[in-house]
Protein backbone atom coordinates (compact mmCIF):
# COMPACT_ATOMS: atom_id res chain seq x y z
CA MET A 1 97.12 124.54 116.57
CA ALA A 2 95.60 121.07 116.90
CA VAL A 3 92.03 120.78 118.19
CA THR A 4 91.74 118.52 121.23
CA ALA A 5 89.15 115.78 121.45
CA GLN A 6 88.31 117.12 124.89
CA SER A 7 87.28 120.52 123.50
CA VAL A 8 84.98 118.92 120.91
CA LEU A 9 83.35 116.62 123.46
CA GLN A 10 82.90 119.48 125.91
CA ARG A 11 80.86 121.37 123.33
CA VAL A 12 78.85 118.20 122.68
CA VAL A 13 78.13 117.75 126.41
CA ASP A 14 77.06 121.38 126.67
CA ILE A 15 74.61 120.98 123.80
CA LEU A 16 73.25 117.72 125.20
CA GLN A 17 72.92 119.35 128.63
CA ASP A 18 74.41 116.24 130.22
CA SER A 19 77.19 117.80 132.28
CA THR A 20 77.43 114.78 134.59
CA SER A 21 77.73 112.38 131.63
CA VAL A 22 75.02 110.08 132.96
CA ARG A 23 72.78 109.69 129.88
CA TRP A 24 75.72 109.72 127.49
CA PRO A 25 78.84 108.31 129.20
CA VAL A 26 82.10 109.88 128.05
CA ASP A 27 83.44 106.60 126.65
CA GLU A 28 80.33 106.36 124.48
CA LEU A 29 80.94 109.86 123.12
CA ILE A 30 84.58 108.93 122.46
CA ARG A 31 83.41 105.95 120.41
CA TYR A 32 81.16 108.24 118.40
CA LEU A 33 84.04 110.67 117.88
CA ASN A 34 86.33 107.88 116.65
CA ASP A 35 83.57 106.66 114.33
CA GLY A 36 83.17 110.20 113.03
CA GLN A 37 86.86 110.48 112.17
CA ARG A 38 86.67 107.21 110.24
CA GLU A 39 83.56 108.49 108.46
CA VAL A 40 85.45 111.61 107.38
CA ALA A 41 88.35 109.44 106.16
CA LEU A 42 85.88 107.31 104.18
CA TYR A 43 84.20 110.20 102.38
CA ARG A 44 87.17 112.58 102.28
CA PRO A 45 90.45 110.64 101.98
CA ASP A 46 92.19 113.97 101.33
CA ALA A 47 91.44 115.00 104.94
CA LEU A 48 94.09 112.60 106.22
CA VAL A 49 97.00 112.84 103.82
CA LYS A 50 100.62 111.84 104.33
CA ASN A 51 103.60 112.36 102.04
CA ALA A 52 106.43 109.91 102.70
CA ASN A 53 109.59 108.56 101.13
CA VAL A 54 108.92 104.82 100.91
CA THR A 55 111.33 101.99 100.14
CA LEU A 56 109.83 99.53 97.67
CA VAL A 57 110.04 95.76 97.87
CA THR A 58 111.44 93.50 95.17
CA GLY A 59 109.11 93.04 92.22
CA SER A 60 106.25 94.83 90.51
CA LYS A 61 103.60 94.41 93.22
CA GLN A 62 103.78 96.90 96.06
CA SER A 63 101.69 97.69 99.15
CA LEU A 64 100.90 100.92 100.92
CA PRO A 65 102.58 101.51 104.29
CA SER A 66 100.75 99.93 107.23
CA ASP A 67 99.05 103.24 108.13
CA GLY A 68 97.75 103.76 104.58
CA SER A 69 94.15 103.36 103.45
CA LYS A 70 94.22 104.69 99.87
CA LEU A 71 96.88 105.75 97.42
CA ILE A 72 96.56 109.32 96.16
CA GLU A 73 99.68 109.69 94.00
CA ILE A 74 103.25 108.57 93.43
CA ILE A 75 105.20 111.72 92.68
CA ARG A 76 108.80 110.79 91.94
CA ASN A 77 111.76 108.57 92.60
CA ASN A 78 113.66 109.76 95.64
CA THR A 79 117.09 108.20 95.89
CA ALA A 80 120.59 109.62 95.94
CA THR A 81 120.86 109.02 92.19
CA SER A 82 117.36 109.74 90.88
CA LYS A 83 114.59 112.25 91.43
CA LYS A 84 112.78 111.46 88.17
CA SER A 85 109.00 111.72 88.14
CA VAL A 86 106.83 108.59 88.06
CA ARG A 87 103.80 108.56 85.76
CA LEU A 88 100.44 106.84 86.19
CA VAL A 89 99.68 104.49 83.28
CA ASN A 90 96.95 102.05 82.31
CA ARG A 91 97.95 98.51 83.24
CA GLU A 92 95.84 97.02 80.44
CA ILE A 93 97.98 98.73 77.82
CA LEU A 94 101.21 97.47 79.39
CA ASP A 95 99.76 93.97 79.76
CA ALA A 96 98.77 93.93 76.08
CA GLN A 97 102.10 95.20 74.75
CA THR A 98 104.46 93.39 77.14
CA PRO A 99 102.63 90.50 78.83
CA GLY A 100 105.78 89.35 80.65
CA TRP A 101 106.68 92.73 82.14
CA HIS A 102 106.23 91.47 85.72
CA GLU A 103 109.20 89.12 85.17
CA ILE A 104 111.79 91.53 83.77
CA ALA A 105 114.86 92.45 85.80
CA GLY A 106 114.26 94.83 88.66
CA GLN A 107 115.66 98.36 88.73
CA ALA A 108 116.27 100.98 91.39
CA GLU A 109 114.45 103.61 89.32
CA VAL A 110 110.78 103.19 88.40
CA LEU A 111 109.11 104.91 85.46
CA HIS A 112 105.41 104.16 85.84
CA TYR A 113 102.87 103.04 88.40
CA MET A 114 99.44 101.45 88.13
CA TYR A 115 96.61 101.62 90.66
CA ASP A 116 93.11 100.19 90.85
CA PRO A 117 90.80 101.86 93.43
CA ARG A 118 88.99 98.54 93.82
CA ASP A 119 92.19 97.20 95.44
CA PRO A 120 93.16 100.32 97.42
CA LEU A 121 96.10 98.93 99.43
CA VAL A 122 98.08 97.67 96.41
CA PHE A 123 99.83 99.29 93.46
CA TYR A 124 102.23 98.11 90.77
CA VAL A 125 105.41 99.69 89.40
CA TYR A 126 107.24 99.42 86.08
CA PRO A 127 109.90 98.30 85.77
CA PRO A 128 109.76 95.97 88.77
CA ALA A 129 111.63 97.44 91.70
CA THR A 130 114.65 96.37 93.68
CA THR A 131 115.02 97.08 97.39
CA SER A 132 117.13 100.10 96.43
CA ALA A 133 114.11 101.80 94.87
CA LYS A 134 112.50 104.61 96.85
CA VAL A 135 109.59 106.80 95.85
CA ASP A 136 107.66 109.72 97.29
CA LEU A 137 104.11 108.57 98.04
CA THR A 138 101.09 110.70 98.82
CA TYR A 139 98.44 108.58 100.48
CA SER A 140 95.50 108.69 102.83
CA VAL A 141 96.07 107.34 106.35
CA TYR A 142 93.80 105.86 108.98
CA PRO A 143 92.80 108.20 111.83
CA THR A 144 94.17 107.50 115.30
CA ASP A 145 91.51 106.63 117.85
CA ILE A 146 91.11 108.66 121.02
CA SER A 147 91.58 106.42 124.07
CA ALA A 148 88.72 105.57 126.41
CA VAL A 149 88.74 107.06 129.92
CA GLY A 150 86.94 104.20 131.69
CA ASP A 151 83.61 103.87 133.46
CA GLY A 152 82.55 107.04 135.20
CA GLY A 153 85.21 109.13 133.44
CA GLN A 154 84.55 112.80 132.75
CA VAL A 155 85.29 114.93 129.71
CA ALA A 156 88.16 116.59 131.59
CA SER A 157 89.96 113.22 131.51
CA VAL A 158 89.91 112.91 127.71
CA SER A 159 93.34 113.32 126.13
CA GLY A 160 94.67 113.54 122.61
CA ASN A 161 94.04 115.63 119.50
CA LEU A 162 91.80 114.98 116.54
CA SER A 163 93.54 113.19 113.68
CA VAL A 164 91.65 115.24 111.12
CA PRO A 165 92.66 118.88 110.49
CA ASP A 166 91.25 121.63 112.70
CA ILE A 167 88.71 122.72 110.09
CA TYR A 168 86.85 119.43 110.60
CA ALA A 169 86.22 119.98 114.32
CA ASN A 170 82.64 121.17 113.75
CA VAL A 171 82.05 118.30 111.35
CA ILE A 172 83.08 115.80 114.04
CA GLN A 173 80.90 117.60 116.57
CA ASP A 174 77.86 117.24 114.32
CA TYR A 175 78.58 113.54 113.84
CA VAL A 176 78.83 112.90 117.60
CA LEU A 177 75.56 114.78 118.14
CA TYR A 178 73.90 112.78 115.37
CA ARG A 179 74.88 109.50 117.03
CA SER A 180 73.93 110.81 120.47
CA TYR A 181 70.43 111.87 119.47
CA MET A 182 69.93 108.60 117.58
CA LYS A 183 70.31 106.85 120.93
CA ASP A 184 67.27 108.73 122.19
CA SER A 185 65.37 108.82 118.91
CA GLU A 186 62.20 107.49 120.54
CA TYR A 187 61.80 110.81 122.34
CA ALA A 188 59.90 113.57 120.56
CA GLY A 189 62.10 115.65 118.30
CA ASN A 190 65.33 113.69 118.80
CA ALA A 191 65.09 111.76 115.54
CA GLN A 192 64.77 115.07 113.68
CA ARG A 193 67.69 116.53 115.64
CA ALA A 194 69.79 113.48 114.74
CA GLN A 195 69.00 113.81 111.04
CA ALA A 196 69.67 117.56 111.11
CA HIS A 197 73.12 117.01 112.58
CA TYR A 198 73.93 114.28 110.06
CA ALA A 199 72.78 116.55 107.25
CA ALA A 200 75.06 119.28 108.60
CA PHE A 201 77.91 116.76 108.77
CA ALA A 202 77.42 115.56 105.19
CA ASN A 203 76.76 119.04 103.81
CA ALA A 204 79.92 120.46 105.37
CA LEU A 205 82.05 117.73 103.78
CA GLY A 206 80.55 118.48 100.37
CA LEU A 207 80.92 122.24 100.67
CA GLU A 208 84.52 121.95 101.86
CA ILE A 209 85.63 119.98 98.79
CA GLN A 210 84.00 122.58 96.52
CA ALA A 211 85.82 125.38 98.34
CA THR A 212 89.10 123.45 98.11
CA LEU A 213 88.70 123.01 94.36
CA GLN A 214 87.94 126.70 93.93
CA VAL A 215 91.09 127.94 95.65
CA GLY A 216 93.43 125.08 94.67
CA PRO A 217 96.32 125.78 92.28
CA ARG A 218 95.48 125.31 88.62
CA SER A 219 96.66 126.61 85.29
CA VAL A 220 94.88 129.76 84.09
CA SER A 221 96.84 130.17 80.86
CA ASN A 222 96.46 126.71 79.28
CA PRO A 223 93.07 126.43 77.50
CA ASN A 224 93.38 122.63 77.58
CA VAL A 225 93.25 122.51 81.38
CA THR A 226 89.74 122.08 82.77
CA SER A 227 88.90 124.56 85.54
CA ALA A 228 87.54 123.41 88.90
CA ALA A 229 83.80 122.99 88.92
CA ALA A 230 81.87 125.86 90.41
CA PRO A 231 79.93 125.13 93.60
């Protein structure tokens, strides 16, 4: 069940003791919530993951779909004639062995892909693709912003669900509280409250990835496979 933005902001308002939304207008809290979702996407790209069958363009250079922020993996070809896996390779090796590989004839089935995290919206495929090539991509997507409710709006008017999974609801709450208390940081104790909520936000993100690694599927019979790091 998706967590609504309204439910998160209602808890925030309760903690701030600003039930009339005078000191912290609802639209301001919505902006903080949207910023918090983007912050989660920045530090935890795996929190907003999409798996899609994507049609490639002609050539070796490809781009993520318009909603993509970072490539996670290309799994396989996915056409009526091929479901072969696609392997990640080092572009430097291919460039050294076959400098003209970008110019070879395109094919509907790709064998390898190359990705540089410094250029997160682009990847390359070998051999160059034709428009008949389709692959299964796993990639991180941008969160969808919650819409503003207008001046004088109340929490009850907020609509829409969080883009991040339900388990991140408390993380988003801590981020909104951090930003809220920062607004009033000149008052005694509020700067410390802000930092405490940001620490809770950051700590939860770090603990969650450790828990994910602990329970994630991994080989237990192959001694050459490195186990997930203990928390």
